[in-house]
């Protein structure tokens, strides 16, 4: 049965929310079997295109990959990242979010930031565009990869942003690289779910880049745990294929017209 936003909200304090990224139909089909939310993240810029920053990801790229992902999803909620500079004003945010929803058939969009983008988020929600929030480390606007919630000023801003986002009507908030105790505090304060990435087990759910956890993409980021090594199996298959081609064992009559 297809998950709704209300299903995600209702998991708060009851069951952990599982979220993973997907950038294509084939991966989405497998991810969809096990998760609550499939995120088409702008992380595809670094994972697939080797961009130095998510800032280089275009709206067209996000839409094209999201169209592919949509084909592989049957039950999960589908959320799409709005790329850099596509929501810098209220009117631009509405125009681009409508385009994303219309062309990809996704269920919601995700915007990075709190107070800085709160008017855009309020405007989208007023216009029936479901929004997921994102605070802490913000890849679209940060230059240095550092955890958040170390100083009193950072802690105050994180809590303030989280409350502002909840009041605006977002249905969940991603907490990226937020210090454990602060992530725990924010999660306890909110009535909506928090989804952590590098922000401790105390969040209501977790998200990771699928390519990272299956070992397809190499990364040394602290919050990444490799749960499998698909490269090993890819190499086995390709090695067998290459060997059979060179030995003239493939194709046989079975695989020929």
Protein backbone atom coordinates (compact mmCIF):
# COMPACT_ATOMS: atom_id res chain seq x y z
CA UNK A 1 0.00 0.00 0.00
CA UNK A 2 1.34 3.42 -1.00
CA UNK A 3 2.62 5.45 1.94
CA UNK A 4 1.18 8.88 2.63
CA UNK A 5 2.72 11.86 4.42
CA UNK A 6 0.37 11.19 7.33
CA UNK A 7 1.86 7.69 7.63
CA UNK A 8 5.33 9.21 8.05
CA UNK A 9 4.17 11.71 10.66
CA UNK A 10 2.36 8.97 12.59
CA UNK A 11 5.58 7.00 13.00
CA UNK A 12 6.86 9.65 15.43
CA UNK A 13 7.71 7.94 18.75
CA UNK A 14 6.36 4.63 17.43
CA UNK A 15 8.60 3.22 14.71
CA UNK A 16 11.87 4.33 13.14
CA UNK A 17 11.58 5.87 9.67
CA UNK A 18 13.85 4.39 7.02
CA UNK A 19 14.95 6.64 4.16
CA UNK A 20 17.44 6.06 1.35
CA UNK A 21 18.41 7.82 -1.87
CA UNK A 22 17.80 6.61 -5.41
CA UNK A 23 18.76 8.19 -8.72
CA UNK A 24 17.44 5.55 -11.14
CA UNK A 25 14.58 3.09 -11.67
CA UNK A 26 16.70 -0.01 -11.06
CA UNK A 27 18.01 1.12 -7.67
CA UNK A 28 14.62 2.59 -6.71
CA UNK A 29 12.94 -0.79 -7.26
CA UNK A 30 15.22 -2.45 -4.72
CA UNK A 31 15.21 0.42 -2.21
CA UNK A 32 11.40 0.65 -2.36
CA UNK A 33 11.06 -2.86 -0.93
CA UNK A 34 12.63 -1.87 2.39
CA UNK A 35 12.13 1.83 3.11
CA UNK A 36 9.46 4.38 4.01
CA UNK A 37 10.90 7.30 2.00
CA UNK A 38 12.91 7.37 -1.21
CA UNK A 39 14.84 10.62 -1.57
CA UNK A 40 16.09 11.78 -4.94
CA UNK A 41 18.91 13.79 -3.47
CA UNK A 42 21.04 16.42 -5.13
CA UNK A 43 23.88 14.26 -3.79
CA UNK A 44 23.60 12.70 -7.25
CA UNK A 45 25.90 15.52 -8.34
CA UNK A 46 28.89 14.13 -6.47
CA UNK A 47 27.89 10.46 -6.58
CA UNK A 48 27.09 10.20 -10.30
CA UNK A 49 28.71 13.22 -11.94
CA UNK A 50 31.73 13.84 -9.71
CA UNK A 51 30.71 17.47 -9.18
CA UNK A 52 32.73 19.26 -6.52
CA UNK A 53 29.52 20.59 -4.98
CA UNK A 54 25.76 20.01 -5.06
CA UNK A 55 25.52 23.64 -6.19
CA UNK A 56 26.28 22.46 -9.72
CA UNK A 57 23.23 20.21 -9.93
CA UNK A 58 20.57 21.56 -12.27
CA UNK A 59 16.79 21.40 -12.10
CA UNK A 60 16.77 19.43 -15.36
CA UNK A 61 19.10 16.80 -13.90
CA UNK A 62 16.96 16.45 -10.79
CA UNK A 63 13.78 16.09 -12.83
CA UNK A 64 15.24 13.56 -15.26
CA UNK A 65 16.58 11.32 -12.50
CA UNK A 66 13.36 11.68 -10.54
CA UNK A 67 11.31 10.54 -13.53
CA UNK A 68 13.40 7.39 -13.65
CA UNK A 69 13.09 6.82 -9.89
CA UNK A 70 9.30 7.26 -10.01
CA UNK A 71 9.10 4.24 -12.33
CA UNK A 72 10.65 2.04 -9.66
CA UNK A 73 8.54 3.09 -6.67
CA UNK A 74 5.33 1.30 -5.71
CA UNK A 75 4.90 1.88 -1.98
CA UNK A 76 7.35 4.45 -0.60
CA UNK A 77 6.91 8.19 -0.24
CA UNK A 78 9.03 9.96 -2.87
CA UNK A 79 10.77 13.23 -1.98
CA UNK A 80 12.87 15.31 -4.39
CA UNK A 81 15.58 17.82 -3.44
CA UNK A 82 15.12 21.29 -4.87
CA UNK A 83 18.54 22.19 -6.27
CA UNK A 84 20.61 25.28 -5.49
CA UNK A 85 19.12 28.64 -6.52
CA UNK A 86 15.78 27.13 -7.56
CA UNK A 87 13.96 28.50 -4.49
CA UNK A 88 15.72 31.82 -3.81
CA UNK A 89 12.41 33.72 -3.97
CA UNK A 90 8.81 32.73 -3.18
CA UNK A 91 7.65 32.94 -6.79
CA UNK A 92 10.67 31.01 -8.10
CA UNK A 93 10.22 28.34 -5.43
CA UNK A 94 6.56 27.88 -6.35
CA UNK A 95 7.25 27.77 -10.07
CA UNK A 96 10.02 25.19 -9.75
CA UNK A 97 8.34 23.04 -7.12
CA UNK A 98 5.19 22.85 -9.26
CA UNK A 99 7.35 21.81 -12.21
CA UNK A 100 9.03 19.10 -10.13
CA UNK A 101 5.75 17.70 -8.82
CA UNK A 102 4.05 17.81 -12.21
CA UNK A 103 6.87 16.21 -14.19
CA UNK A 104 8.11 13.65 -11.65
CA UNK A 105 4.86 12.75 -9.83
CA UNK A 106 6.78 12.93 -6.53
CA UNK A 107 5.02 13.36 -3.19
CA UNK A 108 7.06 16.25 -1.74
CA UNK A 109 10.10 18.46 -2.16
CA UNK A 110 12.95 19.16 0.25
CA UNK A 111 14.50 22.59 0.85
CA UNK A 112 17.67 23.34 2.79
CA UNK A 113 17.61 25.94 5.57
CA UNK A 114 15.49 27.37 8.35
CA UNK A 115 14.83 31.06 8.91
CA UNK A 116 16.60 31.96 5.67
CA UNK A 117 14.02 30.15 3.52
CA UNK A 118 11.02 30.09 5.85
CA UNK A 119 8.94 32.48 3.72
CA UNK A 120 9.46 30.30 0.66
CA UNK A 121 8.47 27.20 2.62
CA UNK A 122 5.33 28.85 4.02
CA UNK A 123 4.39 29.98 0.52
CA UNK A 124 4.80 26.49 -0.92
CA UNK A 125 2.75 24.87 1.84
CA UNK A 126 0.05 27.54 1.44
CA UNK A 127 -0.08 26.49 -2.22
CA UNK A 128 -0.47 22.79 -1.36
CA UNK A 129 3.15 21.81 -2.02
CA UNK A 130 4.27 19.31 0.66
CA UNK A 131 7.71 20.18 2.07
CA UNK A 132 10.40 18.35 4.00
CA UNK A 133 12.84 20.59 5.89
CA UNK A 134 16.61 20.25 6.25
CA UNK A 135 18.85 21.89 8.87
CA UNK A 136 22.32 21.36 10.30
CA UNK A 137 25.01 20.91 7.68
CA UNK A 138 23.64 22.38 4.45
CA UNK A 139 25.63 21.12 1.42
CA UNK A 140 24.17 23.79 -0.89
CA UNK A 141 25.49 26.66 1.20
CA UNK A 142 28.47 25.37 3.18
CA UNK A 143 32.11 25.31 2.14
CA UNK A 144 33.48 23.22 5.01
CA UNK A 145 32.20 19.81 6.07
CA UNK A 146 31.74 20.34 9.83
CA UNK A 147 29.23 19.09 12.36
CA UNK A 148 26.74 21.57 13.79
CA UNK A 149 25.62 22.29 17.34
CA UNK A 150 28.99 22.90 18.95
CA UNK A 151 28.55 26.50 20.08
CA UNK A 152 25.71 28.14 22.01
CA UNK A 153 24.94 30.26 18.96
CA UNK A 154 24.68 27.20 16.68
CA UNK A 155 22.51 25.36 19.20
CA UNK A 156 20.16 28.32 19.57
CA UNK A 157 19.84 28.71 15.79
CA UNK A 158 19.25 24.99 15.21
CA UNK A 159 16.46 24.82 17.78
CA UNK A 160 14.93 28.06 16.50
CA UNK A 161 15.05 26.85 12.88
CA UNK A 162 13.51 23.50 13.81
CA UNK A 163 10.60 25.19 15.59
CA UNK A 164 10.11 27.65 12.72
CA UNK A 165 10.00 24.81 10.22
CA UNK A 166 7.48 22.90 12.29
CA UNK A 167 5.28 26.00 12.59
CA UNK A 168 5.49 26.54 8.83
CA UNK A 169 3.94 23.13 8.21
CA UNK A 170 6.78 20.88 7.03
CA UNK A 171 6.01 17.20 7.67
CA UNK A 172 9.55 16.15 8.66
CA UNK A 173 13.02 17.62 9.07
CA UNK A 174 16.38 16.19 8.05
CA UNK A 175 19.08 16.84 10.67
CA UNK A 176 22.47 16.58 9.00
CA UNK A 177 25.64 16.24 11.09
CA UNK A 178 24.01 17.72 14.20
CA UNK A 179 25.69 16.90 17.51
CA UNK A 180 24.07 13.97 19.32
CA UNK A 181 22.63 15.78 22.33
CA UNK A 182 21.25 18.61 20.20
CA UNK A 183 19.67 16.20 17.71
CA UNK A 184 18.10 14.38 20.67
CA UNK A 185 16.81 17.63 22.15
CA UNK A 186 15.32 18.83 18.84
CA UNK A 187 13.68 15.45 18.25
CA UNK A 188 12.09 15.58 21.69
CA UNK A 189 10.85 19.14 21.21
CA UNK A 190 9.18 18.52 17.85
CA UNK A 191 5.83 16.91 17.10
CA UNK A 192 7.00 16.02 13.59
CA UNK A 193 9.67 13.42 12.76
CA UNK A 194 13.37 14.14 12.47
CA UNK A 195 15.42 12.13 9.99
CA UNK A 196 19.09 11.99 10.85
CA UNK A 197 22.21 11.68 8.79
CA UNK A 198 25.24 11.69 11.04
CA UNK A 199 23.01 12.96 13.86
CA UNK A 200 22.74 9.96 16.19
CA UNK A 201 20.25 7.18 16.83
CA UNK A 202 17.94 9.56 18.72
CA UNK A 203 16.37 10.93 15.52
CA UNK A 204 13.02 9.49 14.47
CA UNK A 205 14.56 8.04 11.34
CA UNK A 206 17.73 7.76 9.30
CA UNK A 207 18.80 8.53 5.74
CA UNK A 208 21.92 7.53 3.82
CA UNK A 209 23.10 7.62 0.23
CA UNK A 210 22.37 4.13 -1.11
CA UNK A 211 25.51 4.05 -3.26
CA UNK A 212 27.57 4.62 -0.09
CA UNK A 213 26.00 1.91 2.05
CA UNK A 214 26.20 -0.77 -0.67
CA UNK A 215 29.84 0.03 -1.41
CA UNK A 216 29.29 1.33 -4.91
CA UNK A 217 30.62 4.78 -4.06
CA UNK A 218 33.80 5.16 -2.02
CA UNK A 219 33.66 7.69 0.79
CA UNK A 220 35.37 8.27 4.12
CA UNK A 221 32.56 10.34 5.64
CA UNK A 222 32.17 9.46 9.33
CA UNK A 223 28.43 8.75 9.27
CA UNK A 224 28.64 6.24 6.42
CA UNK A 225 28.63 2.53 7.23
CA UNK A 226 29.14 0.08 4.40
CA UNK A 227 26.54 -2.66 4.78
CA UNK A 228 27.50 -4.59 1.64
CA UNK A 229 30.04 -4.59 -1.17
CA UNK A 230 28.26 -4.78 -4.51
CA UNK A 231 31.46 -3.99 -6.40
CA UNK A 232 32.66 -7.47 -5.47
CA UNK A 233 29.68 -9.08 -7.21
CA UNK A 234 29.84 -6.70 -10.18
CA UNK A 235 33.47 -7.70 -10.72
CA UNK A 236 32.66 -11.40 -10.51
CA UNK A 237 30.03 -11.08 -13.23
CA UNK A 238 32.11 -8.91 -15.54
CA UNK A 239 35.18 -11.11 -15.10
CA UNK A 240 33.18 -14.20 -16.10
CA UNK A 241 31.71 -12.40 -19.10
CA UNK A 242 35.11 -11.18 -20.33
CA UNK A 243 36.61 -14.64 -19.89
CA UNK A 244 33.84 -16.38 -21.83
CA UNK A 245 34.00 -13.86 -24.68
CA UNK A 246 37.77 -14.32 -25.02
CA UNK A 247 37.45 -18.12 -24.85
CA UNK A 248 34.61 -18.07 -27.39
CA UNK A 249 32.25 -19.67 -24.89
CA UNK A 250 29.78 -16.81 -25.18
CA UNK A 251 27.43 -16.46 -26.94
CA UNK A 252 26.32 -20.06 -27.40
CA UNK A 253 23.43 -21.15 -29.62
CA UNK A 254 21.12 -20.52 -26.64
CA UNK A 255 21.98 -16.83 -26.72
CA UNK A 256 22.04 -16.42 -30.50
CA UNK A 257 19.29 -15.86 -33.08
